[in-house]
Amino acid sequence: MILVDSSVWIDYFRGSATPQTNRLDSLLGNEPLAMGDLILTQVLQGFATEREFNNARRLLAALDFVILGGVDVALAAARNYRKLRALGITVRKTIDTVIATRCILSGYTLLHSDRDFDIFEKHLALRCIN
């Protein structure tokens, strides 16, 4: 299963051609893709009109839905944050720690265009695709 981060979805809906949005375009309809609850919030909150919001909501509703948090993920995310801090690395966004941890625990691959995930890939075995 491939979880697609908001960094890719936002570029996709803006019509930005990036390696990640091109990859997403090739995956849609061909591979199982997941939408996380917190990612859904990040993506949908950026739409200015109700029409754009509803169009995006309908498209995203066709994806597999994943609850990113929960007690087990919260505890594991806190441990991952602490592991990185012990290495002298400060994670900038808690939500990225939760997303990365859910992927690690569930065996998901992450499609992203956010450099903040690179440390999870390097130090905590997060699987990513470009």
N, C-alpha and C. Protein backbone atom coordinates (compact mmCIF):
# COMPACT_ATOMS: atom_id res chain seq x y z
N MET A 1 0.86 -1.18 0.00
CA MET A 1 0.00 0.00 0.00
C MET A 1 0.89 1.23 0.00
N ILE A 2 0.50 2.22 -0.77
CA ILE A 2 1.24 3.47 -0.87
C ILE A 2 0.40 4.58 -0.23
N LEU A 3 0.97 5.21 0.77
CA LEU A 3 0.33 6.37 1.39
C LEU A 3 0.90 7.61 0.72
N VAL A 4 0.02 8.49 0.26
CA VAL A 4 0.45 9.69 -0.44
C VAL A 4 0.32 10.88 0.52
N ASP A 5 1.43 11.57 0.73
CA ASP A 5 1.47 12.69 1.64
C ASP A 5 0.80 13.93 1.04
N SER A 6 0.38 14.82 1.91
CA SER A 6 -0.26 16.07 1.47
C SER A 6 0.66 16.90 0.58
N SER A 7 1.97 16.80 0.77
CA SER A 7 2.90 17.57 -0.05
C SER A 7 2.74 17.24 -1.53
N VAL A 8 2.39 16.01 -1.82
CA VAL A 8 2.18 15.59 -3.21
C VAL A 8 0.77 15.96 -3.67
N TRP A 9 -0.23 15.70 -2.84
CA TRP A 9 -1.60 16.02 -3.21
C TRP A 9 -1.79 17.51 -3.48
N ILE A 10 -1.20 18.34 -2.65
CA ILE A 10 -1.36 19.79 -2.83
C ILE A 10 -0.78 20.22 -4.17
N ASP A 11 0.41 19.74 -4.50
CA ASP A 11 0.99 20.05 -5.82
C ASP A 11 0.12 19.49 -6.94
N TYR A 12 -0.41 18.29 -6.73
CA TYR A 12 -1.25 17.64 -7.75
C TYR A 12 -2.49 18.49 -8.05
N PHE A 13 -3.18 18.92 -7.00
CA PHE A 13 -4.39 19.71 -7.21
C PHE A 13 -4.10 21.11 -7.73
N ARG A 14 -2.92 21.61 -7.49
CA ARG A 14 -2.51 22.91 -8.05
C ARG A 14 -2.10 22.80 -9.51
N GLY A 15 -1.94 21.57 -9.98
CA GLY A 15 -1.52 21.36 -11.36
C GLY A 15 -0.02 21.49 -11.56
N SER A 16 0.74 21.39 -10.48
CA SER A 16 2.21 21.48 -10.57
C SER A 16 2.77 20.15 -11.06
N ALA A 17 3.57 20.21 -12.11
CA ALA A 17 4.21 19.00 -12.63
C ALA A 17 5.55 18.82 -11.91
N THR A 18 5.60 17.80 -11.05
CA THR A 18 6.81 17.45 -10.32
C THR A 18 7.02 15.96 -10.52
N PRO A 19 8.20 15.44 -10.22
CA PRO A 19 8.38 13.99 -10.31
C PRO A 19 7.36 13.23 -9.46
N GLN A 20 7.02 13.80 -8.30
CA GLN A 20 6.08 13.12 -7.41
C GLN A 20 4.64 13.17 -7.93
N THR A 21 4.22 14.31 -8.49
CA THR A 21 2.86 14.37 -9.04
C THR A 21 2.75 13.52 -10.30
N ASN A 22 3.81 13.46 -11.07
CA ASN A 22 3.81 12.56 -12.24
C ASN A 22 3.70 11.11 -11.78
N ARG A 23 4.41 10.77 -10.71
CA ARG A 23 4.33 9.41 -10.18
C ARG A 23 2.93 9.12 -9.67
N LEU A 24 2.34 10.08 -8.95
CA LEU A 24 0.98 9.92 -8.46
C LEU A 24 0.02 9.70 -9.62
N ASP A 25 0.15 10.49 -10.66
CA ASP A 25 -0.71 10.36 -11.82
C ASP A 25 -0.62 8.96 -12.42
N SER A 26 0.58 8.40 -12.47
CA SER A 26 0.75 7.06 -13.02
C SER A 26 0.22 5.97 -12.08
N LEU A 27 0.18 6.26 -10.79
CA LEU A 27 -0.30 5.27 -9.82
C LEU A 27 -1.82 5.24 -9.69
N LEU A 28 -2.46 6.40 -9.90
CA LEU A 28 -3.92 6.48 -9.74
C LEU A 28 -4.61 5.48 -10.67
N GLY A 29 -5.42 4.63 -10.08
CA GLY A 29 -6.15 3.62 -10.85
C GLY A 29 -5.34 2.37 -11.15
N ASN A 30 -4.04 2.38 -10.85
CA ASN A 30 -3.18 1.22 -11.14
C ASN A 30 -2.60 0.55 -9.91
N GLU A 31 -2.53 1.26 -8.82
CA GLU A 31 -1.96 0.74 -7.57
C GLU A 31 -2.88 1.12 -6.42
N PRO A 32 -2.89 0.31 -5.36
CA PRO A 32 -3.68 0.69 -4.19
C PRO A 32 -3.03 1.87 -3.46
N LEU A 33 -3.78 2.96 -3.34
CA LEU A 33 -3.28 4.16 -2.67
C LEU A 33 -4.11 4.41 -1.42
N ALA A 34 -3.44 4.94 -0.41
CA ALA A 34 -4.11 5.23 0.85
C ALA A 34 -4.14 6.72 1.10
N MET A 35 -5.23 7.13 1.77
CA MET A 35 -5.40 8.50 2.21
C MET A 35 -5.51 8.47 3.73
N GLY A 36 -4.64 9.21 4.41
CA GLY A 36 -4.69 9.30 5.86
C GLY A 36 -5.64 10.39 6.31
N ASP A 37 -6.25 10.19 7.48
CA ASP A 37 -7.21 11.15 7.98
C ASP A 37 -6.61 12.55 8.16
N LEU A 38 -5.42 12.63 8.72
CA LEU A 38 -4.78 13.94 8.92
C LEU A 38 -4.32 14.55 7.60
N ILE A 39 -3.93 13.70 6.67
CA ILE A 39 -3.54 14.17 5.35
C ILE A 39 -4.76 14.73 4.62
N LEU A 40 -5.89 14.06 4.77
CA LEU A 40 -7.14 14.55 4.18
C LEU A 40 -7.46 15.95 4.68
N THR A 41 -7.30 16.16 5.97
CA THR A 41 -7.53 17.49 6.53
C THR A 41 -6.59 18.52 5.92
N GLN A 42 -5.31 18.19 5.86
CA GLN A 42 -4.33 19.12 5.29
C GLN A 42 -4.66 19.49 3.85
N VAL A 43 -5.06 18.50 3.07
CA VAL A 43 -5.34 18.74 1.66
C VAL A 43 -6.61 19.56 1.49
N LEU A 44 -7.70 19.14 2.11
CA LEU A 44 -8.99 19.78 1.89
C LEU A 44 -9.08 21.18 2.48
N GLN A 45 -8.34 21.47 3.51
CA GLN A 45 -8.44 22.81 4.12
C GLN A 45 -7.90 23.90 3.20
N GLY A 46 -7.16 23.52 2.17
CA GLY A 46 -6.57 24.52 1.28
C GLY A 46 -7.45 24.98 0.13
N PHE A 47 -8.61 24.38 -0.05
CA PHE A 47 -9.46 24.76 -1.18
C PHE A 47 -10.27 26.01 -0.85
N ALA A 48 -10.28 26.95 -1.79
CA ALA A 48 -10.94 28.23 -1.57
C ALA A 48 -12.45 28.16 -1.76
N THR A 49 -12.91 27.33 -2.71
CA THR A 49 -14.34 27.29 -3.00
C THR A 49 -14.94 25.95 -2.58
N GLU A 50 -16.22 26.00 -2.34
CA GLU A 50 -16.95 24.77 -1.97
C GLU A 50 -16.91 23.76 -3.12
N ARG A 51 -16.99 24.24 -4.33
CA ARG A 51 -16.97 23.35 -5.50
C ARG A 51 -15.64 22.59 -5.58
N GLU A 52 -14.51 23.32 -5.45
CA GLU A 52 -13.19 22.67 -5.47
C GLU A 52 -13.07 21.67 -4.32
N PHE A 53 -13.52 22.07 -3.14
CA PHE A 53 -13.50 21.21 -1.96
C PHE A 53 -14.25 19.91 -2.23
N ASN A 54 -15.47 20.02 -2.75
CA ASN A 54 -16.30 18.83 -2.99
C ASN A 54 -15.74 17.95 -4.11
N ASN A 55 -15.19 18.55 -5.15
CA ASN A 55 -14.58 17.76 -6.22
C ASN A 55 -13.40 16.96 -5.69
N ALA A 56 -12.56 17.61 -4.91
CA ALA A 56 -11.40 16.91 -4.34
C ALA A 56 -11.85 15.84 -3.35
N ARG A 57 -12.83 16.16 -2.54
CA ARG A 57 -13.34 15.20 -1.56
C ARG A 57 -13.85 13.94 -2.23
N ARG A 58 -14.57 14.10 -3.34
CA ARG A 58 -15.08 12.94 -4.08
C ARG A 58 -13.94 12.09 -4.66
N LEU A 59 -12.95 12.74 -5.23
CA LEU A 59 -11.81 12.01 -5.77
C LEU A 59 -11.08 11.24 -4.67
N LEU A 60 -10.83 11.90 -3.56
CA LEU A 60 -10.07 11.28 -2.47
C LEU A 60 -10.85 10.19 -1.76
N ALA A 61 -12.18 10.26 -1.81
CA ALA A 61 -13.01 9.24 -1.16
C ALA A 61 -12.87 7.87 -1.82
N ALA A 62 -12.37 7.83 -3.05
CA ALA A 62 -12.20 6.56 -3.76
C ALA A 62 -10.96 5.79 -3.27
N LEU A 63 -10.12 6.45 -2.48
CA LEU A 63 -8.89 5.81 -2.00
C LEU A 63 -9.17 5.01 -0.73
N ASP A 64 -8.26 4.09 -0.40
CA ASP A 64 -8.34 3.40 0.88
C ASP A 64 -8.07 4.42 1.98
N PHE A 65 -8.82 4.33 3.06
CA PHE A 65 -8.71 5.31 4.14
C PHE A 65 -7.96 4.70 5.32
N VAL A 66 -7.04 5.48 5.88
CA VAL A 66 -6.20 5.03 6.98
C VAL A 66 -6.30 6.03 8.13
N ILE A 67 -6.58 5.51 9.32
CA ILE A 67 -6.48 6.33 10.53
C ILE A 67 -5.00 6.37 10.89
N LEU A 68 -4.43 7.54 10.90
CA LEU A 68 -2.98 7.65 11.12
C LEU A 68 -2.60 7.53 12.58
N GLY A 69 -3.43 7.99 13.49
CA GLY A 69 -3.07 8.04 14.89
C GLY A 69 -3.52 6.83 15.69
N GLY A 70 -3.95 7.08 16.89
CA GLY A 70 -4.31 6.04 17.84
C GLY A 70 -3.21 5.92 18.89
N VAL A 71 -3.52 5.25 19.97
CA VAL A 71 -2.58 5.15 21.09
C VAL A 71 -1.27 4.47 20.69
N ASP A 72 -1.34 3.35 20.00
CA ASP A 72 -0.12 2.63 19.63
C ASP A 72 0.78 3.47 18.74
N VAL A 73 0.19 4.15 17.77
CA VAL A 73 0.97 4.99 16.87
C VAL A 73 1.52 6.20 17.63
N ALA A 74 0.72 6.77 18.52
CA ALA A 74 1.18 7.92 19.30
C ALA A 74 2.40 7.56 20.15
N LEU A 75 2.36 6.41 20.79
CA LEU A 75 3.50 5.98 21.60
C LEU A 75 4.73 5.69 20.74
N ALA A 76 4.52 5.02 19.62
CA ALA A 76 5.64 4.72 18.72
C ALA A 76 6.21 6.00 18.12
N ALA A 77 5.35 6.97 17.79
CA ALA A 77 5.81 8.24 17.23
C ALA A 77 6.65 9.00 18.26
N ALA A 78 6.21 8.98 19.51
CA ALA A 78 7.00 9.63 20.57
C ALA A 78 8.37 8.95 20.71
N ARG A 79 8.39 7.64 20.62
CA ARG A 79 9.68 6.92 20.69
C ARG A 79 10.56 7.27 19.50
N ASN A 80 9.96 7.34 18.31
CA ASN A 80 10.74 7.69 17.12
C ASN A 80 11.29 9.11 17.22
N TYR A 81 10.48 10.02 17.72
CA TYR A 81 10.94 11.40 17.91
C TYR A 81 12.14 11.42 18.86
N ARG A 82 12.02 10.68 19.96
CA ARG A 82 13.10 10.64 20.95
C ARG A 82 14.36 9.99 20.39
N LYS A 83 14.20 8.95 19.54
CA LYS A 83 15.37 8.33 18.90
C LYS A 83 16.11 9.34 18.03
N LEU A 84 15.35 10.10 17.28
CA LEU A 84 15.96 11.10 16.40
C LEU A 84 16.61 12.21 17.21
N ARG A 85 15.97 12.64 18.30
CA ARG A 85 16.56 13.67 19.17
C ARG A 85 17.88 13.18 19.76
N ALA A 86 17.93 11.90 20.12
CA ALA A 86 19.16 11.33 20.67
C ALA A 86 20.30 11.36 19.64
N LEU A 87 19.93 11.38 18.36
CA LEU A 87 20.92 11.50 17.28
C LEU A 87 21.24 12.97 16.95
N GLY A 88 20.61 13.88 17.69
CA GLY A 88 20.83 15.30 17.45
C GLY A 88 19.95 15.88 16.36
N ILE A 89 18.89 15.17 16.00
CA ILE A 89 17.98 15.60 14.93
C ILE A 89 16.66 16.04 15.55
N THR A 90 16.23 17.24 15.23
CA THR A 90 14.94 17.73 15.70
C THR A 90 13.94 17.66 14.55
N VAL A 91 12.88 16.92 14.76
CA VAL A 91 11.81 16.83 13.78
C VAL A 91 10.99 18.12 13.87
N ARG A 92 10.74 18.74 12.73
CA ARG A 92 10.07 20.04 12.71
C ARG A 92 8.56 19.95 12.94
N LYS A 93 7.93 18.86 12.49
CA LYS A 93 6.47 18.78 12.56
C LYS A 93 6.04 17.45 13.17
N THR A 94 5.25 17.52 14.22
CA THR A 94 4.75 16.32 14.87
C THR A 94 3.93 15.47 13.91
N ILE A 95 3.14 16.10 13.06
CA ILE A 95 2.29 15.35 12.13
C ILE A 95 3.15 14.47 11.20
N ASP A 96 4.33 14.96 10.82
CA ASP A 96 5.21 14.14 9.98
C ASP A 96 5.73 12.93 10.74
N THR A 97 5.95 13.10 12.03
CA THR A 97 6.38 11.96 12.86
C THR A 97 5.27 10.92 12.92
N VAL A 98 4.03 11.36 13.05
CA VAL A 98 2.89 10.43 13.09
C VAL A 98 2.74 9.72 11.74
N ILE A 99 2.81 10.46 10.65
CA ILE A 99 2.67 9.87 9.31
C ILE A 99 3.78 8.85 9.07
N ALA A 100 5.01 9.23 9.33
CA ALA A 100 6.14 8.32 9.11
C ALA A 100 6.01 7.07 9.98
N THR A 101 5.63 7.26 11.23
CA THR A 101 5.50 6.12 12.15
C THR A 101 4.40 5.18 11.71
N ARG A 102 3.25 5.71 11.28
CA ARG A 102 2.17 4.84 10.78
C ARG A 102 2.67 4.02 9.60
N CYS A 103 3.40 4.65 8.69
CA CYS A 103 3.94 3.92 7.53
C CYS A 103 4.90 2.82 7.97
N ILE A 104 5.78 3.13 8.89
CA ILE A 104 6.76 2.16 9.37
C ILE A 104 6.04 0.98 10.02
N LEU A 105 5.10 1.26 10.92
CA LEU A 105 4.39 0.21 11.64
C LEU A 105 3.53 -0.66 10.73
N SER A 106 2.91 -0.05 9.73
CA SER A 106 1.96 -0.77 8.87
C SER A 106 2.58 -1.30 7.59
N GLY A 107 3.85 -0.99 7.36
CA GLY A 107 4.52 -1.46 6.15
C GLY A 107 4.12 -0.70 4.90
N TYR A 108 3.59 0.51 5.05
CA TYR A 108 3.23 1.32 3.90
C TYR A 108 4.48 1.97 3.31
N THR A 109 4.42 2.24 2.03
CA THR A 109 5.43 3.04 1.36
C THR A 109 4.87 4.45 1.24
N LEU A 110 5.72 5.45 1.45
CA LEU A 110 5.27 6.84 1.43
C LEU A 110 5.73 7.53 0.16
N LEU A 111 4.79 8.17 -0.53
CA LEU A 111 5.09 9.04 -1.65
C LEU A 111 4.98 10.46 -1.13
N HIS A 112 6.08 11.20 -1.18
CA HIS A 112 6.10 12.55 -0.61
C HIS A 112 7.04 13.45 -1.40
N SER A 113 6.93 14.74 -1.14
CA SER A 113 7.90 15.70 -1.66
C SER A 113 8.28 16.66 -0.54
N ASP A 114 8.46 16.11 0.64
CA ASP A 114 8.76 16.88 1.84
C ASP A 114 10.06 16.35 2.44
N ARG A 115 11.09 17.18 2.43
CA ARG A 115 12.40 16.74 2.91
C ARG A 115 12.40 16.31 4.36
N ASP A 116 11.38 16.68 5.13
CA ASP A 116 11.31 16.29 6.53
C ASP A 116 11.21 14.77 6.70
N PHE A 117 10.75 14.07 5.69
CA PHE A 117 10.66 12.61 5.78
C PHE A 117 12.00 11.91 5.52
N ASP A 118 12.94 12.63 4.95
CA ASP A 118 14.23 12.03 4.63
C ASP A 118 14.93 11.44 5.85
N ILE A 119 14.81 12.10 7.00
CA ILE A 119 15.47 11.60 8.20
C ILE A 119 14.84 10.30 8.69
N PHE A 120 13.54 10.15 8.48
CA PHE A 120 12.88 8.91 8.85
C PHE A 120 13.32 7.77 7.94
N GLU A 121 13.51 8.10 6.68
CA GLU A 121 14.00 7.11 5.72
C GLU A 121 15.42 6.69 6.06
N LYS A 122 16.25 7.65 6.37
CA LYS A 122 17.67 7.38 6.65
C LYS A 122 17.89 6.66 7.98
N HIS A 123 17.17 7.06 9.02
CA HIS A 123 17.47 6.56 10.37
C HIS A 123 16.46 5.55 10.92
N LEU A 124 15.24 5.51 10.36
CA LEU A 124 14.21 4.65 10.94
C LEU A 124 13.57 3.70 9.93
N ALA A 125 14.18 3.56 8.78
CA ALA A 125 13.77 2.58 7.77
C ALA A 125 12.39 2.85 7.16
N LEU A 126 11.98 4.12 7.10
CA LEU A 126 10.77 4.47 6.37
C LEU A 126 10.99 4.16 4.89
N ARG A 127 10.05 3.47 4.27
CA ARG A 127 10.14 3.17 2.84
C ARG A 127 9.45 4.29 2.06
N CYS A 128 10.17 4.85 1.11
CA CYS A 128 9.64 5.95 0.30
C CYS A 128 9.84 5.66 -1.18
N ILE A 129 9.00 6.28 -1.99
CA ILE A 129 9.18 6.26 -3.44
C ILE A 129 9.16 7.69 -3.94
N ASN A 130 9.78 7.90 -5.06
CA ASN A 130 9.80 9.22 -5.67
C ASN A 130 9.03 9.20 -6.96
